[in-house]
Amino acid sequence: MNPADPLAQLHPLREPAAIGWWPPAPGWWLLLALVIVGLAAVAWGGLRRYRRNAYRRRGLAQLAQIRSRWLADNNHLRCLSEANALLKAVALRAYPVRDVAGISGRDWQDFLDQTMAGNAGFELRLLQAQYLGEVDGQGLDEHLHQCASWIKRHRVSA
């Protein structure tokens, strides 16, 4: 050590204590509040959608019961009648009664085809099966599949 060098007499530099992360700056509090509000809005919207589509879930469950009864007893006429009644019930839940309740035949087929998101192509003879004396099972499985697709994906105006 050189006594003539005054810098040599200085103590070594001390680093300041590290800055802690708590409490966060006001900007972080604001960001946290915005994230909480955003998550609450998404959860609320999801819950509303879930409740709004409850009739679709019930309709699909009823259609599965109709299909299982058909597979058990092979009664084509009852299966088609119940499936078509279910379609009407679901449509009455989703659309105004004045638009759905009075339509039948070709108008009912057009309504189902127009409100379907995608290609529906319902067969008129299967939609009117309850008015026929005898019905064969030709196309019945495809018809039930189309019914399920319509229940899942029909468009409802908000």
C-alpha atoms as a PDB file:
ATOM      1  CA  MET A   1       0.000   0.000   0.000  1.00  0.00           C
ATOM      2  CA  ASN A   2       1.319   3.353  -0.982  1.00  0.00           C
ATOM      3  CA  PRO A   3       0.684   6.062   1.670  1.00  0.00           C
ATOM      4  CA  ALA A   4       0.871   8.735  -0.954  1.00  0.00           C
ATOM      5  CA  ASP A   5      -2.022   7.228  -2.914  1.00  0.00           C
ATOM      6  CA  PRO A   6      -5.235   8.406  -1.232  1.00  0.00           C
ATOM      7  CA  LEU A   7      -7.372   6.013  -3.331  1.00  0.00           C
ATOM      8  CA  ALA A   8      -5.682   3.048  -1.776  1.00  0.00           C
ATOM      9  CA  GLN A   9      -7.031   4.085   1.605  1.00  0.00           C
ATOM     10  CA  LEU A  10     -10.635   3.840   0.456  1.00  0.00           C
ATOM     11  CA  HIS A  11     -12.735   0.896   1.529  1.00  0.00           C
ATOM     12  CA  PRO A  12     -14.031  -1.430  -1.195  1.00  0.00           C
ATOM     13  CA  LEU A  13     -17.297  -0.468  -2.834  1.00  0.00           C
ATOM     14  CA  ARG A  14     -20.458  -1.863  -1.262  1.00  0.00           C
ATOM     15  CA  GLU A  15     -23.336  -2.839  -3.488  1.00  0.00           C
ATOM     16  CA  PRO A  16     -26.777  -1.640  -2.457  1.00  0.00           C
ATOM     17  CA  ALA A  17     -29.329  -4.199  -1.295  1.00  0.00           C
ATOM     18  CA  ALA A  18     -31.321  -5.804  -4.107  1.00  0.00           C
ATOM     19  CA  ILE A  19     -34.679  -4.250  -4.791  1.00  0.00           C
ATOM     20  CA  GLY A  20     -37.472  -6.594  -3.682  1.00  0.00           C
ATOM     21  CA  TRP A  21     -40.321  -7.567  -5.927  1.00  0.00           C
ATOM     22  CA  TRP A  22     -42.940  -6.791  -3.292  1.00  0.00           C
ATOM     23  CA  PRO A  23     -44.945  -4.571  -3.339  1.00  0.00           C
ATOM     24  CA  PRO A  24     -45.427  -4.402  -7.080  1.00  0.00           C
ATOM     25  CA  ALA A  25     -45.681  -1.143  -8.928  1.00  0.00           C
ATOM     26  CA  PRO A  26     -49.181   0.330  -9.566  1.00  0.00           C
ATOM     27  CA  GLY A  27     -49.049  -0.782 -13.197  1.00  0.00           C
ATOM     28  CA  TRP A  28     -48.843  -4.427 -12.140  1.00  0.00           C
ATOM     29  CA  TRP A  29     -51.869  -3.972  -9.859  1.00  0.00           C
ATOM     30  CA  LEU A  30     -53.797  -2.501 -12.777  1.00  0.00           C
ATOM     31  CA  LEU A  31     -52.761  -5.378 -15.042  1.00  0.00           C
ATOM     32  CA  LEU A  32     -53.833  -7.901 -12.387  1.00  0.00           C
ATOM     33  CA  ALA A  33     -57.225  -6.191 -12.069  1.00  0.00           C
ATOM     34  CA  LEU A  34     -57.698  -6.255 -15.850  1.00  0.00           C
ATOM     35  CA  VAL A  35     -56.790  -9.941 -16.027  1.00  0.00           C
ATOM     36  CA  ILE A  36     -59.257 -10.783 -13.235  1.00  0.00           C
ATOM     37  CA  VAL A  37     -62.032  -8.803 -14.940  1.00  0.00           C
ATOM     38  CA  GLY A  38     -61.222 -10.491 -18.270  1.00  0.00           C
ATOM     39  CA  LEU A  39     -61.276 -13.988 -16.761  1.00  0.00           C
ATOM     40  CA  ALA A  40     -64.563 -13.235 -15.006  1.00  0.00           C
ATOM     41  CA  ALA A  41     -66.082 -12.028 -18.294  1.00  0.00           C
ATOM     42  CA  VAL A  42     -64.918 -15.152 -20.128  1.00  0.00           C
ATOM     43  CA  ALA A  43     -66.277 -17.407 -17.361  1.00  0.00           C
ATOM     44  CA  TRP A  44     -69.603 -15.556 -17.328  1.00  0.00           C
ATOM     45  CA  GLY A  45     -69.896 -15.811 -21.127  1.00  0.00           C
ATOM     46  CA  GLY A  46     -69.055 -19.511 -21.015  1.00  0.00           C
ATOM     47  CA  LEU A  47     -71.653 -20.140 -18.333  1.00  0.00           C
ATOM     48  CA  ARG A  48     -74.297 -18.262 -20.332  1.00  0.00           C
ATOM     49  CA  ARG A  49     -73.468 -20.290 -23.436  1.00  0.00           C
ATOM     50  CA  TYR A  50     -73.558 -23.541 -21.468  1.00  0.00           C
ATOM     51  CA  ARG A  51     -76.989 -22.702 -20.065  1.00  0.00           C
ATOM     52  CA  ARG A  52     -78.259 -21.433 -23.413  1.00  0.00           C
ATOM     53  CA  ASN A  53     -77.339 -24.750 -25.069  1.00  0.00           C
ATOM     54  CA  ALA A  54     -78.870 -26.996 -22.394  1.00  0.00           C
ATOM     55  CA  TYR A  55     -81.802 -27.791 -24.694  1.00  0.00           C
ATOM     56  CA  ARG A  56     -79.342 -29.138 -27.277  1.00  0.00           C
ATOM     57  CA  ARG A  57     -77.786 -31.513 -24.741  1.00  0.00           C
ATOM     58  CA  ARG A  58     -81.223 -32.718 -23.616  1.00  0.00           C
ATOM     59  CA  GLY A  59     -82.285 -33.197 -27.237  1.00  0.00           C
ATOM     60  CA  LEU A  60     -79.194 -35.238 -28.049  1.00  0.00           C
ATOM     61  CA  ALA A  61     -79.750 -37.396 -24.960  1.00  0.00           C
ATOM     62  CA  GLN A  62     -83.366 -38.029 -25.980  1.00  0.00           C
ATOM     63  CA  LEU A  63     -82.268 -38.831 -29.524  1.00  0.00           C
ATOM     64  CA  ALA A  64     -79.796 -41.391 -28.159  1.00  0.00           C
ATOM     65  CA  GLN A  65     -82.658 -43.015 -26.234  1.00  0.00           C
ATOM     66  CA  ILE A  66     -84.786 -43.075 -29.387  1.00  0.00           C
ATOM     67  CA  ARG A  67     -81.935 -44.706 -31.305  1.00  0.00           C
ATOM     68  CA  SER A  68     -81.353 -47.334 -28.624  1.00  0.00           C
ATOM     69  CA  ARG A  69     -85.081 -48.199 -28.489  1.00  0.00           C
ATOM     70  CA  TRP A  70     -85.096 -48.516 -32.286  1.00  0.00           C
ATOM     71  CA  LEU A  71     -82.098 -50.835 -32.209  1.00  0.00           C
ATOM     72  CA  ALA A  72     -83.789 -52.931 -29.517  1.00  0.00           C
ATOM     73  CA  ASP A  73     -87.277 -53.297 -31.027  1.00  0.00           C
ATOM     74  CA  ASN A  74     -86.683 -52.399 -34.713  1.00  0.00           C
ATOM     75  CA  ASN A  75     -89.908 -50.348 -34.832  1.00  0.00           C
ATOM     76  CA  HIS A  76     -89.148 -47.923 -37.688  1.00  0.00           C
ATOM     77  CA  LEU A  77     -92.411 -46.006 -37.530  1.00  0.00           C
ATOM     78  CA  ARG A  78     -92.164 -45.250 -33.824  1.00  0.00           C
ATOM     79  CA  CYS A  79     -88.519 -44.246 -34.175  1.00  0.00           C
ATOM     80  CA  LEU A  80     -89.247 -41.806 -37.003  1.00  0.00           C
ATOM     81  CA  SER A  81     -92.295 -40.379 -35.238  1.00  0.00           C
ATOM     82  CA  GLU A  82     -90.369 -39.806 -32.019  1.00  0.00           C
ATOM     83  CA  ALA A  83     -87.356 -38.342 -33.851  1.00  0.00           C
ATOM     84  CA  ASN A  84     -89.530 -35.932 -35.803  1.00  0.00           C
ATOM     85  CA  ALA A  85     -91.424 -34.911 -32.660  1.00  0.00           C
ATOM     86  CA  LEU A  86     -88.079 -34.300 -30.983  1.00  0.00           C
ATOM     87  CA  LEU A  87     -86.929 -32.130 -33.892  1.00  0.00           C
ATOM     88  CA  LYS A  88     -90.099 -30.074 -33.581  1.00  0.00           C
ATOM     89  CA  ALA A  89     -89.663 -29.728 -29.801  1.00  0.00           C
ATOM     90  CA  VAL A  90     -86.058 -28.577 -30.193  1.00  0.00           C
ATOM     91  CA  ALA A  91     -87.059 -26.132 -32.918  1.00  0.00           C
ATOM     92  CA  LEU A  92     -89.846 -24.749 -30.717  1.00  0.00           C
ATOM     93  CA  ARG A  93     -87.292 -24.167 -27.961  1.00  0.00           C
ATOM     94  CA  ALA A  94     -84.828 -22.425 -30.283  1.00  0.00           C
ATOM     95  CA  TYR A  95     -87.106 -20.384 -32.558  1.00  0.00           C
ATOM     96  CA  PRO A  96     -90.253 -18.308 -32.094  1.00  0.00           C
ATOM     97  CA  VAL A  97     -93.413 -20.409 -31.857  1.00  0.00           C
ATOM     98  CA  ARG A  98     -95.064 -18.460 -34.688  1.00  0.00           C
ATOM     99  CA  ASP A  99     -92.240 -19.493 -37.054  1.00  0.00           C
ATOM    100  CA  VAL A 100     -92.207 -23.208 -36.195  1.00  0.00           C
ATOM    101  CA  ALA A 101     -95.460 -24.474 -34.716  1.00  0.00           C
ATOM    102  CA  GLY A 102     -97.624 -24.389 -37.833  1.00  0.00           C
ATOM    103  CA  ILE A 103     -95.217 -25.655 -40.461  1.00  0.00           C
ATOM    104  CA  SER A 104     -95.204 -29.196 -41.809  1.00  0.00           C
ATOM    105  CA  GLY A 105     -94.401 -31.141 -44.940  1.00  0.00           C
ATOM    106  CA  ARG A 106     -92.223 -29.405 -47.500  1.00  0.00           C
ATOM    107  CA  ASP A 107     -92.127 -26.187 -45.397  1.00  0.00           C
ATOM    108  CA  TRP A 108     -90.804 -28.144 -42.405  1.00  0.00           C
ATOM    109  CA  GLN A 109     -88.142 -29.776 -44.569  1.00  0.00           C
ATOM    110  CA  ASP A 110     -87.122 -26.380 -45.978  1.00  0.00           C
ATOM    111  CA  PHE A 111     -86.986 -24.901 -42.484  1.00  0.00           C
ATOM    112  CA  LEU A 112     -84.688 -27.684 -41.250  1.00  0.00           C
ATOM    113  CA  ASP A 113     -82.449 -27.409 -44.304  1.00  0.00           C
ATOM    114  CA  GLN A 114     -82.211 -23.604 -44.107  1.00  0.00           C
ATOM    115  CA  THR A 115     -81.460 -23.430 -40.398  1.00  0.00           C
ATOM    116  CA  MET A 116     -78.784 -26.112 -40.549  1.00  0.00           C
ATOM    117  CA  ALA A 117     -75.183 -24.930 -40.522  1.00  0.00           C
ATOM    118  CA  GLY A 118     -73.895 -26.967 -43.449  1.00  0.00           C
ATOM    119  CA  ASN A 119     -75.682 -29.447 -45.664  1.00  0.00           C
ATOM    120  CA  ALA A 120     -78.747 -31.008 -44.099  1.00  0.00           C
ATOM    121  CA  GLY A 121     -80.713 -32.669 -46.898  1.00  0.00           C
ATOM    122  CA  PHE A 122     -83.551 -34.155 -44.847  1.00  0.00           C
ATOM    123  CA  GLU A 123     -85.782 -36.547 -46.787  1.00  0.00           C
ATOM    124  CA  LEU A 124     -89.434 -35.540 -46.880  1.00  0.00           C
ATOM    125  CA  ARG A 125     -90.710 -39.138 -46.703  1.00  0.00           C
ATOM    126  CA  LEU A 126     -88.814 -39.674 -43.436  1.00  0.00           C
ATOM    127  CA  LEU A 127     -90.079 -36.398 -41.984  1.00  0.00           C
ATOM    128  CA  GLN A 128     -93.665 -37.413 -42.784  1.00  0.00           C
ATOM    129  CA  ALA A 129     -93.318 -41.038 -41.680  1.00  0.00           C
ATOM    130  CA  GLN A 130     -95.922 -40.775 -38.925  1.00  0.00           C
ATOM    131  CA  TYR A 131     -98.577 -40.149 -41.595  1.00  0.00           C
ATOM    132  CA  LEU A 132     -97.650 -43.256 -43.563  1.00  0.00           C
ATOM    133  CA  GLY A 133     -98.994 -46.677 -42.739  1.00  0.00           C
ATOM    134  CA  GLU A 134     -95.774 -48.616 -43.122  1.00  0.00           C
ATOM    135  CA  VAL A 135     -92.190 -47.463 -43.234  1.00  0.00           C
ATOM    136  CA  ASP A 136     -89.114 -49.441 -44.094  1.00  0.00           C
ATOM    137  CA  GLY A 137     -85.883 -48.779 -42.292  1.00  0.00           C
ATOM    138  CA  GLN A 138     -84.087 -47.581 -45.398  1.00  0.00           C
ATOM    139  CA  GLY A 139     -82.180 -44.377 -44.626  1.00  0.00           C
ATOM    140  CA  LEU A 140     -83.290 -44.323 -41.007  1.00  0.00           C
ATOM    141  CA  ASP A 141     -79.819 -44.454 -39.516  1.00  0.00           C
ATOM    142  CA  GLU A 142     -78.711 -41.590 -41.768  1.00  0.00           C
ATOM    143  CA  HIS A 143     -81.851 -39.659 -40.818  1.00  0.00           C
ATOM    144  CA  LEU A 144     -81.053 -40.043 -37.111  1.00  0.00           C
ATOM    145  CA  HIS A 145     -77.511 -38.873 -37.813  1.00  0.00           C
ATOM    146  CA  GLN A 146     -78.899 -35.801 -39.615  1.00  0.00           C
ATOM    147  CA  CYS A 147     -81.231 -35.151 -36.689  1.00  0.00           C
ATOM    148  CA  ALA A 148     -78.265 -35.220 -34.305  1.00  0.00           C
ATOM    149  CA  SER A 149     -76.299 -32.895 -36.595  1.00  0.00           C
ATOM    150  CA  TRP A 150     -79.206 -30.471 -36.791  1.00  0.00           C
ATOM    151  CA  ILE A 151     -79.652 -30.437 -33.030  1.00  0.00           C
ATOM    152  CA  LYS A 152     -75.930 -29.777 -32.534  1.00  0.00           C
ATOM    153  CA  ARG A 153     -75.415 -27.186 -35.273  1.00  0.00           C
ATOM    154  CA  HIS A 154     -78.626 -25.383 -36.130  1.00  0.00           C
ATOM    155  CA  ARG A 155     -78.237 -21.637 -36.324  1.00  0.00           C
ATOM    156  CA  VAL A 156     -80.206 -19.526 -33.881  1.00  0.00           C
ATOM    157  CA  SER A 157     -80.338 -15.788 -34.364  1.00  0.00           C
ATOM    158  CA  ALA A 158     -79.488 -13.960 -31.173  1.00  0.00           C
END
